[in-house]
Amino acid sequence: MHEPSPIGPAVSSWLLRRSSIRDGHAQRRDGVLTGRRFGVGVRMRGSAVGAGMVAGALLLGLAACSDDPGTATINGPDASGTARPTAARTGASSAPPGAAATTATVAGTVASGLTSPWGLAFLPDGSALVSERDTAAVKRIAPDGTVSTVGTVPGVEHGGEGGLLGIAVGPDVATDPQLYAYRTTDDGNEIVRMTYAPGGLGEPTVLVDGIEAGAIHNGGRLAFGPDGLLYASTGEVGRRTPAQDPGSLNGKILRMTPDGAPAPGNPDPRTLVYSTGHRNVQGLAWDDAGQLWASEFGQNTWDELNLIHAGDNDGWPEVEGIAAGGGPYVNPERQWHTEDASPSGIAVAGGSVWMAALRGERVWQIPLTGDPDRPTGEPRAWFSGDYGRLRTVMTAPDGSLWLITNNTDGRGDPRSGDDRILRVTLS
């Protein structure tokens, strides 16, 4: 299920600016690694014919997220949320067992008055940065809760689910303050890097482009892993086929050096692709054993929590949820009906994965068991319907969770009045 988005004049105008799709070739432009190196070559500019193509793709994407059983893909026979592995993986280990938190309490509001907040990154001085998808602003939350605008990322074109999405600070931020951002532009989605200071942002340097953009399913999460490498999630922009296309950066989890080059140890050392077969991953987090977890929007039936290993193929669009009868694809560890989740950000804390749900309007707690054959325990829902749509959850330096609401996303919500960051304590 894609996150519901109103389709109006702003989106129509955005589509017209992203309408020409052409084949590309391997190249490096101004030192920037582009998707065309991998045969992507997607560029979207104005033409009437191209606009029709993109509008058609949009309609197909919206239809694919409907409850039409005729568009459903292969699903497992039950809704237990228990995975049954199919594709074999070696070297898998689970997080060490430990007692999972049994209580989650909203201790207060960290900051309010935000508009379409999306990404979150903590700084060494105890402050945090928040990206606003629709305004392209980066805001700083001081330790005392004061909100200020650091700057606006240039070149961002908001439309549908695109805009200024995930952000991450570099691994050496204390000595080399660099901010990474995933932005939607006239030419598609890009990963950029810029210097950060409390008084402003430097000019962005494009590290990766050639990631196709669309009105839906742009992915957009950025996170540095325990290996010091940058991971990014990309969506299949409602077109389905890019997820299984080895020449496309869409429908993938990417892994790269801080300079945007393919990371050593990637399945194909020539590319950024770490795992494939994804519909729309918006959550990335690591457990104490260094394992990567990812949340993913499903289509009609199943949203997913996946345990990711290098070279995994999670099966989209051939499979949604747990695959009936086995097959070559890796099953999710847990699955939910789409009305209960539509997951976005995730975090690991208190012996569990915590997953923010948009349509489901709750936080899911998924305990980590330490059992390699059954790595997760029974999920538990928190705050159901209390705070509306929930976009991002992240572990703060003090061990609490910061939870971002997403109710001013073109909809408004009488429970909130604006978007805010909540502080959640665990015990």
Protein backbone atom coordinates (compact mmCIF):
# COMPACT_ATOMS: atom_id res chain seq x y z
CA MET A 1 0.00 0.00 0.00
CA HIS A 2 1.47 3.36 -0.90
CA GLU A 3 0.98 6.18 1.55
CA PRO A 4 -2.21 8.01 0.53
CA SER A 5 -1.47 11.19 -1.39
CA PRO A 6 -3.92 13.73 -2.79
CA ILE A 7 -3.41 14.07 -6.55
CA GLY A 8 -4.11 17.66 -7.51
CA PRO A 9 -2.83 20.54 -9.65
CA ALA A 10 0.53 20.64 -7.88
CA VAL A 11 1.19 16.99 -8.68
CA SER A 12 -0.05 17.40 -12.25
CA SER A 13 2.37 20.29 -12.72
CA TRP A 14 5.15 18.21 -11.17
CA LEU A 15 4.40 15.34 -13.56
CA LEU A 16 4.60 17.67 -16.56
CA ARG A 17 8.07 18.71 -15.44
CA ARG A 18 9.14 15.04 -15.29
CA SER A 19 7.78 13.59 -18.44
CA SER A 20 10.46 12.51 -20.89
CA ILE A 21 11.92 9.04 -20.29
CA ARG A 22 14.83 7.87 -22.41
CA ASP A 23 17.37 5.09 -22.41
CA GLY A 24 20.84 5.99 -21.17
CA HIS A 25 24.38 4.71 -21.19
CA ALA A 26 27.16 4.22 -18.70
CA GLN A 27 28.88 7.48 -17.94
CA ARG A 28 30.33 9.68 -15.21
CA ARG A 29 29.33 13.33 -15.35
CA ASP A 30 31.49 15.91 -13.56
CA GLY A 31 32.83 13.14 -11.35
CA VAL A 32 29.34 12.09 -10.27
CA LEU A 33 28.38 8.43 -10.29
CA THR A 34 25.12 8.30 -12.23
CA GLY A 35 22.46 5.68 -12.61
CA ARG A 36 23.27 5.58 -16.31
CA ARG A 37 26.44 3.74 -15.42
CA PHE A 38 24.12 0.88 -14.56
CA GLY A 39 21.83 1.35 -17.55
CA VAL A 40 19.29 3.52 -15.75
CA GLY A 41 19.44 6.77 -17.67
CA VAL A 42 16.08 8.09 -16.49
CA ARG A 43 15.47 11.77 -17.04
CA MET A 44 12.11 13.46 -16.81
CA ARG A 45 11.51 16.73 -18.59
CA GLY A 46 8.55 18.35 -20.23
CA SER A 47 6.86 16.81 -23.24
CA ALA A 48 3.23 16.04 -23.83
CA VAL A 49 3.94 12.45 -24.83
CA GLY A 50 6.20 11.91 -21.80
CA ALA A 51 3.61 13.43 -19.50
CA GLY A 52 1.09 10.89 -20.70
CA MET A 53 3.57 8.10 -20.03
CA VAL A 54 4.22 9.26 -16.48
CA ALA A 55 0.54 9.93 -15.79
CA GLY A 56 -0.23 6.43 -17.01
CA ALA A 57 2.45 5.00 -14.73
CA LEU A 58 0.97 6.99 -11.85
CA LEU A 59 -2.50 5.62 -12.50
CA LEU A 60 -1.11 2.11 -12.68
CA GLY A 61 0.68 2.69 -9.37
CA LEU A 62 -2.49 3.94 -7.72
CA ALA A 63 -4.49 1.04 -9.10
CA ALA A 64 -1.86 -1.39 -7.88
CA CYS A 65 -2.40 -0.07 -4.37
CA SER A 66 -6.14 -0.58 -4.47
CA ASP A 67 -8.01 -3.55 -3.02
CA ASP A 68 -8.55 -5.04 -6.46
CA PRO A 69 -7.84 -8.78 -6.02
CA GLY A 70 -7.03 -9.01 -9.70
CA THR A 71 -3.75 -7.17 -9.11
CA ALA A 72 -2.63 -9.15 -6.08
CA THR A 73 0.67 -11.00 -6.22
CA ILE A 74 1.57 -14.32 -4.62
CA ASN A 75 0.94 -14.30 -0.87
CA GLY A 76 1.37 -16.70 1.98
CA PRO A 77 -1.65 -18.67 3.18
CA ASP A 78 -1.94 -17.06 6.61
CA ALA A 79 -1.62 -13.72 8.38
CA SER A 80 0.49 -14.90 11.27
CA GLY A 81 3.38 -12.63 10.38
CA THR A 82 5.77 -15.56 10.82
CA ALA A 83 8.32 -15.89 8.05
CA ARG A 84 9.19 -19.13 6.35
CA PRO A 85 12.60 -18.68 4.70
CA THR A 86 12.90 -19.66 1.05
CA ALA A 87 16.14 -18.50 -0.57
CA ALA A 88 19.11 -19.85 1.36
CA ARG A 89 21.45 -17.37 3.07
CA THR A 90 24.76 -18.11 4.73
CA GLY A 91 26.46 -16.38 7.60
CA ALA A 92 23.18 -15.23 9.17
CA SER A 93 23.31 -14.59 12.88
CA SER A 94 20.72 -13.09 15.14
CA ALA A 95 21.02 -10.35 17.70
CA PRO A 96 22.05 -11.63 21.14
CA PRO A 97 19.00 -12.48 23.22
CA GLY A 98 17.90 -9.99 25.85
CA ALA A 99 14.78 -8.87 27.61
CA ALA A 100 12.68 -6.69 25.35
CA ALA A 101 11.14 -3.50 26.71
CA THR A 102 7.64 -4.08 28.03
CA THR A 103 6.46 -0.48 28.38
CA ALA A 104 6.58 2.46 25.96
CA THR A 105 5.46 5.84 27.27
CA VAL A 106 5.15 9.19 25.49
CA ALA A 107 7.08 11.38 27.93
CA GLY A 108 6.38 14.66 26.15
CA THR A 109 6.76 16.76 23.02
CA VAL A 110 10.29 17.60 21.93
CA ALA A 111 9.27 20.08 19.22
CA SER A 112 6.12 21.17 17.38
CA GLY A 113 5.08 23.42 14.52
CA LEU A 114 6.77 21.30 11.84
CA THR A 115 5.47 20.85 8.29
CA SER A 116 5.69 17.43 6.59
CA PRO A 117 8.76 16.32 8.61
CA TRP A 118 10.50 13.28 7.13
CA GLY A 119 14.16 12.66 8.03
CA LEU A 120 15.94 12.93 11.39
CA ALA A 121 19.62 12.99 12.36
CA PHE A 122 21.30 13.59 15.72
CA LEU A 123 24.38 15.78 16.19
CA PRO A 124 27.21 15.43 18.74
CA ASP A 125 26.12 18.57 20.62
CA GLY A 126 22.80 16.95 21.56
CA SER A 127 20.75 18.77 18.94
CA ALA A 128 18.99 17.13 15.99
CA LEU A 129 18.24 18.00 12.38
CA VAL A 130 14.87 17.40 10.73
CA SER A 131 14.08 17.54 7.01
CA GLU A 132 10.73 18.84 5.79
CA ARG A 133 9.64 17.05 2.64
CA ASP A 134 7.35 19.68 1.17
CA THR A 135 9.29 22.85 2.11
CA ALA A 136 12.84 21.47 1.53
CA ALA A 137 13.84 23.08 4.84
CA VAL A 138 16.33 21.59 7.28
CA LYS A 139 15.46 22.54 10.85
CA ARG A 140 17.55 22.24 13.99
CA ILE A 141 16.05 21.10 17.28
CA ALA A 142 18.24 22.49 20.06
CA PRO A 143 18.70 20.52 23.30
CA ASP A 144 16.18 22.84 24.96
CA GLY A 145 13.60 22.16 22.20
CA THR A 146 14.04 25.46 20.35
CA VAL A 147 13.35 25.05 16.63
CA SER A 148 15.30 27.07 14.06
CA THR A 149 15.72 26.84 10.30
CA VAL A 150 19.29 26.00 9.26
CA GLY A 151 18.61 26.38 5.55
CA THR A 152 16.70 25.19 2.52
CA VAL A 153 18.15 22.52 0.26
CA PRO A 154 18.16 23.93 -3.29
CA GLY A 155 16.87 22.06 -6.32
CA VAL A 156 14.13 20.16 -4.47
CA GLU A 157 10.87 19.70 -6.40
CA HIS A 158 8.08 18.45 -4.18
CA GLY A 159 5.30 16.45 -5.80
CA GLY A 160 3.25 13.58 -4.40
CA GLU A 161 5.62 11.57 -2.20
CA GLY A 162 8.74 13.28 -3.53
CA GLY A 163 10.68 16.18 -2.05
CA LEU A 164 13.35 16.46 0.63
CA LEU A 165 13.31 12.99 2.18
CA GLY A 166 15.92 11.25 4.31
CA ILE A 167 18.95 12.91 5.87
CA ALA A 168 22.05 11.57 7.63
CA VAL A 169 25.14 13.13 9.17
CA GLY A 170 28.56 11.84 8.15
CA PRO A 171 30.51 9.41 10.34
CA ASP A 172 33.08 12.11 11.16
CA VAL A 173 30.55 14.86 11.83
CA ALA A 174 32.35 16.08 14.96
CA THR A 175 35.44 17.06 12.95
CA ASP A 176 34.00 17.22 9.43
CA PRO A 177 30.35 18.33 9.63
CA GLN A 178 28.72 16.94 6.50
CA LEU A 179 25.00 16.47 5.93
CA TYR A 180 23.71 13.93 3.41
CA ALA A 181 20.24 14.27 1.89
CA TYR A 182 17.95 12.37 -0.49
CA ARG A 183 16.14 14.89 -2.68
CA THR A 184 13.70 14.83 -5.58
CA THR A 185 14.62 17.16 -8.43
CA ASP A 186 13.48 17.87 -11.98
CA ASP A 187 15.88 15.14 -13.12
CA GLY A 188 14.89 12.44 -10.62
CA ASN A 189 16.00 11.48 -7.12
CA GLU A 190 19.53 12.27 -6.00
CA ILE A 191 21.78 11.72 -3.00
CA VAL A 192 23.72 14.88 -2.16
CA ARG A 193 26.24 16.00 0.43
CA MET A 194 26.73 19.47 1.87
CA THR A 195 28.61 21.09 4.71
CA TYR A 196 26.61 21.83 7.83
CA ALA A 197 26.86 24.64 10.33
CA PRO A 198 24.18 25.91 12.74
CA GLY A 199 24.06 29.07 10.66
CA GLY A 200 23.57 27.47 7.27
CA LEU A 201 24.16 24.75 4.70
CA GLY A 202 26.83 24.61 2.01
CA GLU A 203 26.18 24.06 -1.68
CA PRO A 204 25.10 20.45 -2.33
CA THR A 205 27.44 18.11 -4.16
CA VAL A 206 25.65 15.36 -6.08
CA LEU A 207 27.03 11.94 -5.15
CA VAL A 208 24.46 9.71 -6.88
CA ASP A 209 21.83 10.54 -9.48
CA GLY A 210 19.91 8.52 -12.04
CA ILE A 211 17.41 7.30 -9.45
CA GLU A 212 14.03 7.61 -11.12
CA ALA A 213 11.47 9.81 -9.36
CA GLY A 214 7.71 9.50 -9.31
CA ALA A 215 4.61 10.75 -7.54
CA ILE A 216 4.71 7.56 -5.40
CA HIS A 217 7.26 5.07 -4.06
CA ASN A 218 10.46 7.16 -3.98
CA GLY A 219 11.98 5.32 -1.01
CA GLY A 220 14.26 7.95 0.45
CA ARG A 221 15.75 6.73 3.73
CA LEU A 222 19.46 7.40 4.34
CA ALA A 223 21.50 5.90 7.17
CA PHE A 224 25.13 5.19 7.97
CA GLY A 225 25.69 1.61 9.07
CA PRO A 226 28.05 0.30 11.76
CA ASP A 227 30.51 -0.35 8.92
CA GLY A 228 30.79 3.39 8.28
CA LEU A 229 29.11 3.06 4.88
CA LEU A 230 26.06 4.94 3.63
CA TYR A 231 22.87 2.98 2.89
CA ALA A 232 19.94 4.35 0.89
CA SER A 233 16.52 2.93 0.07
CA THR A 234 14.90 3.54 -3.31
CA GLY A 235 11.37 2.80 -4.48
CA GLU A 236 10.11 1.45 -7.79
CA VAL A 237 8.06 4.66 -8.36
CA GLY A 238 4.91 2.65 -9.07
CA ARG A 239 6.36 1.00 -12.18
CA ARG A 240 7.01 -2.44 -10.60
CA THR A 241 9.60 -3.63 -13.16
CA PRO A 242 12.64 -1.62 -11.91
CA ALA A 243 12.75 -3.67 -8.71
CA GLN A 244 13.98 -6.75 -10.62
CA ASP A 245 16.01 -4.83 -13.23
CA PRO A 246 19.74 -5.15 -12.45
CA GLY A 247 20.36 -2.06 -14.57
CA SER A 248 18.14 0.14 -12.41
CA LEU A 249 18.88 1.78 -9.07
CA ASN A 250 15.16 1.77 -8.24
CA GLY A 251 13.49 -0.79 -6.01
CA LYS A 252 16.81 -1.44 -4.24
CA ILE A 253 18.79 -0.88 -1.09
CA LEU A 254 22.05 0.84 -2.05
CA ARG A 255 25.36 0.71 -0.18
CA MET A 256 28.17 3.16 -0.85
CA THR A 257 31.22 4.90 0.54
CA PRO A 258 30.77 8.39 2.05
CA ASP A 259 31.86 9.75 -1.35
CA GLY A 260 29.10 7.88 -3.19
CA ALA A 261 31.22 5.11 -4.77
CA PRO A 262 30.16 1.43 -4.75
CA ALA A 263 31.10 -0.03 -1.37
CA PRO A 264 33.65 -2.84 -1.08
CA GLY A 265 31.83 -6.11 -0.53
CA ASN A 266 28.75 -5.24 -2.56
CA PRO A 267 27.40 -8.28 -4.46
CA ASP A 268 28.55 -6.67 -7.71
CA PRO A 269 31.53 -4.46 -6.85
CA ARG A 270 30.82 -2.26 -9.86
CA THR A 271 27.44 -1.11 -8.59
CA LEU A 272 25.81 0.48 -5.56
CA VAL A 273 23.16 -2.26 -5.31
CA TYR A 274 23.16 -4.19 -2.03
CA SER A 275 19.74 -5.90 -2.23
CA THR A 276 16.97 -5.94 -4.79
CA GLY A 277 13.30 -6.78 -5.33
CA HIS A 278 11.91 -3.99 -3.14
CA ARG A 279 8.69 -2.05 -3.64
CA ASN A 280 9.18 0.95 -1.35
CA VAL A 281 11.58 0.63 1.58
CA GLN A 282 11.40 3.61 3.97
CA GLY A 283 13.00 2.23 7.13
CA LEU A 284 16.61 1.12 7.75
CA ALA A 285 18.16 0.21 11.12
CA TRP A 286 20.78 -2.14 12.58
CA ASP A 287 20.56 -4.38 15.63
CA ASP A 288 23.34 -4.97 18.17
CA ALA A 289 24.76 -7.79 16.04
CA GLY A 290 25.16 -5.42 13.08
CA GLN A 291 22.26 -6.92 11.10
CA LEU A 292 20.30 -4.65 8.79
CA TRP A 293 16.50 -4.48 9.10
CA ALA A 294 14.21 -2.77 6.59
CA SER A 295 10.51 -1.94 6.53
CA GLU A 296 8.63 -2.06 3.24
CA PHE A 297 5.27 -0.95 1.86
CA GLY A 298 3.27 -3.80 0.36
CA GLN A 299 0.60 -3.59 -2.32
CA ASN A 300 -2.89 -4.86 -1.52
CA THR A 301 -2.25 -7.31 1.25
CA TRP A 302 1.09 -7.41 3.09
CA ASP A 303 3.51 -4.85 4.48
CA GLU A 304 6.84 -6.29 5.54
CA LEU A 305 9.75 -6.21 7.98
CA ASN A 306 12.79 -7.74 6.30
CA LEU A 307 16.18 -8.89 7.55
CA ILE A 308 18.59 -7.82 4.79
CA HIS A 309 21.75 -9.55 3.65
CA ALA A 310 24.01 -8.69 0.73
CA GLY A 311 22.54 -10.01 -2.52
CA ASP A 312 19.05 -10.67 -1.15
CA ASN A 313 16.16 -10.56 -3.60
CA ASP A 314 12.95 -9.83 -1.71
CA GLY A 315 10.80 -10.70 -4.69
CA TRP A 316 8.78 -7.65 -5.69
CA PRO A 317 6.80 -7.58 -7.99
CA GLU A 318 6.69 -11.38 -8.26
CA VAL A 319 5.95 -11.87 -4.57
CA GLU A 320 4.19 -9.80 -1.92
CA GLY A 321 4.66 -11.00 1.66
CA ILE A 322 5.49 -14.61 2.47
CA ALA A 323 5.74 -16.62 -0.73
CA ALA A 324 3.39 -19.61 -0.95
CA GLY A 325 5.24 -22.78 -1.88
CA GLY A 326 8.76 -21.42 -1.51
CA GLY A 327 10.86 -20.10 -4.37
CA PRO A 328 14.01 -18.10 -5.06
CA TYR A 329 13.04 -15.05 -3.00
CA VAL A 330 13.77 -14.18 0.62
CA ASN A 331 10.69 -14.02 2.82
CA PRO A 332 9.98 -11.21 5.26
CA GLU A 333 10.51 -11.90 8.94
CA ARG A 334 7.12 -10.34 9.71
CA GLN A 335 4.15 -9.14 7.69
CA TRP A 336 1.06 -7.02 8.38
CA HIS A 337 -2.12 -6.25 6.52
CA THR A 338 -1.66 -2.89 4.82
CA GLU A 339 -4.42 -1.17 6.80
CA ASP A 340 -2.51 -1.96 10.01
CA ALA A 341 0.86 -0.59 8.94
CA SER A 342 2.04 1.22 5.78
CA PRO A 343 5.40 1.36 7.52
CA SER A 344 7.97 4.11 7.25
CA GLY A 345 10.91 4.61 9.63
CA ILE A 346 12.28 1.99 12.01
CA ALA A 347 14.68 1.99 14.97
CA VAL A 348 16.28 -0.65 17.20
CA ALA A 349 16.13 -0.08 20.96
CA GLY A 350 15.18 -1.96 24.10
CA GLY A 351 15.72 -5.37 22.50
CA SER A 352 13.18 -4.69 19.73
CA VAL A 353 12.66 -3.19 16.32
CA TRP A 354 10.24 -0.24 16.50
CA MET A 355 8.32 0.54 13.30
CA ALA A 356 6.37 3.74 12.62
CA ALA A 357 3.11 3.22 10.71
CA LEU A 358 1.42 5.82 8.51
CA ARG A 359 -1.93 4.35 7.56
CA GLY A 360 -1.88 2.15 10.66
CA GLU A 361 -1.32 5.21 12.93
CA ARG A 362 0.65 3.27 15.52
CA VAL A 363 4.11 2.07 16.44
CA TRP A 364 4.82 -1.63 16.11
CA GLN A 365 7.25 -3.24 18.55
CA ILE A 366 8.87 -6.39 17.18
CA PRO A 367 11.01 -8.17 19.83
CA LEU A 368 14.36 -9.62 18.77
CA THR A 369 14.76 -13.16 20.09
CA GLY A 370 18.35 -14.10 19.30
CA ASP A 371 17.08 -17.31 17.68
CA PRO A 372 18.48 -17.59 14.12
CA ASP A 373 15.56 -19.79 13.09
CA ARG A 374 12.93 -17.36 14.39
CA PRO A 375 14.61 -13.98 14.94
CA THR A 376 11.51 -12.04 16.00
CA GLY A 377 8.81 -12.44 18.62
CA GLU A 378 5.14 -11.54 18.41
CA PRO A 379 4.63 -7.88 17.37
CA ARG A 380 2.83 -5.50 19.69
CA ALA A 381 1.11 -2.22 18.76
CA TRP A 382 1.53 1.02 20.73
CA PHE A 383 -0.32 4.37 20.57
CA SER A 384 -2.92 3.11 18.06
CA GLY A 385 -4.75 6.14 16.69
CA ASP A 386 -3.43 8.44 19.43
CA TYR A 387 -1.15 10.65 17.34
CA GLY A 388 -2.25 10.06 13.74
CA ARG A 389 0.19 9.13 10.99
CA LEU A 390 3.69 8.30 12.20
CA ARG A 391 6.58 8.83 9.79
CA THR A 392 9.92 8.33 11.53
CA VAL A 393 11.21 6.73 14.71
CA MET A 394 14.84 6.95 15.78
CA THR A 395 16.87 6.09 18.85
CA ALA A 396 18.09 9.24 20.61
CA PRO A 397 21.51 9.44 22.33
CA ASP A 398 19.84 8.99 25.75
CA GLY A 399 18.20 5.69 24.68
CA SER A 400 14.70 7.10 24.25
CA LEU A 401 12.86 7.09 20.94
CA TRP A 402 12.01 10.20 18.97
CA LEU A 403 8.79 9.76 17.03
CA ILE A 404 7.78 12.07 14.16
CA THR A 405 4.11 12.58 13.33
CA ASN A 406 3.01 13.26 9.75
CA ASN A 407 -0.45 14.81 9.88
CA THR A 408 0.10 18.16 8.12
CA ASP A 409 0.95 16.19 5.00
CA GLY A 410 -1.69 17.97 2.90
CA ARG A 411 -4.43 16.54 5.11
CA GLY A 412 -4.48 18.19 8.52
CA ASP A 413 -5.47 16.32 11.64
CA PRO A 414 -7.63 17.59 14.52
CA ARG A 415 -5.66 15.43 16.97
CA SER A 416 -2.52 17.43 16.32
CA GLY A 417 -2.98 20.73 14.53
CA ASP A 418 0.64 20.57 13.44
CA ASP A 419 3.39 18.00 13.20
CA ARG A 420 5.64 17.33 16.12
CA ILE A 421 8.37 15.15 17.55
CA LEU A 422 7.40 13.04 20.56
CA ARG A 423 9.83 11.57 23.07
CA VAL A 424 9.10 7.96 24.00
CA THR A 425 10.74 6.28 26.99
CA LEU A 426 11.16 2.51 27.23
CA SER A 427 11.26 0.29 30.29
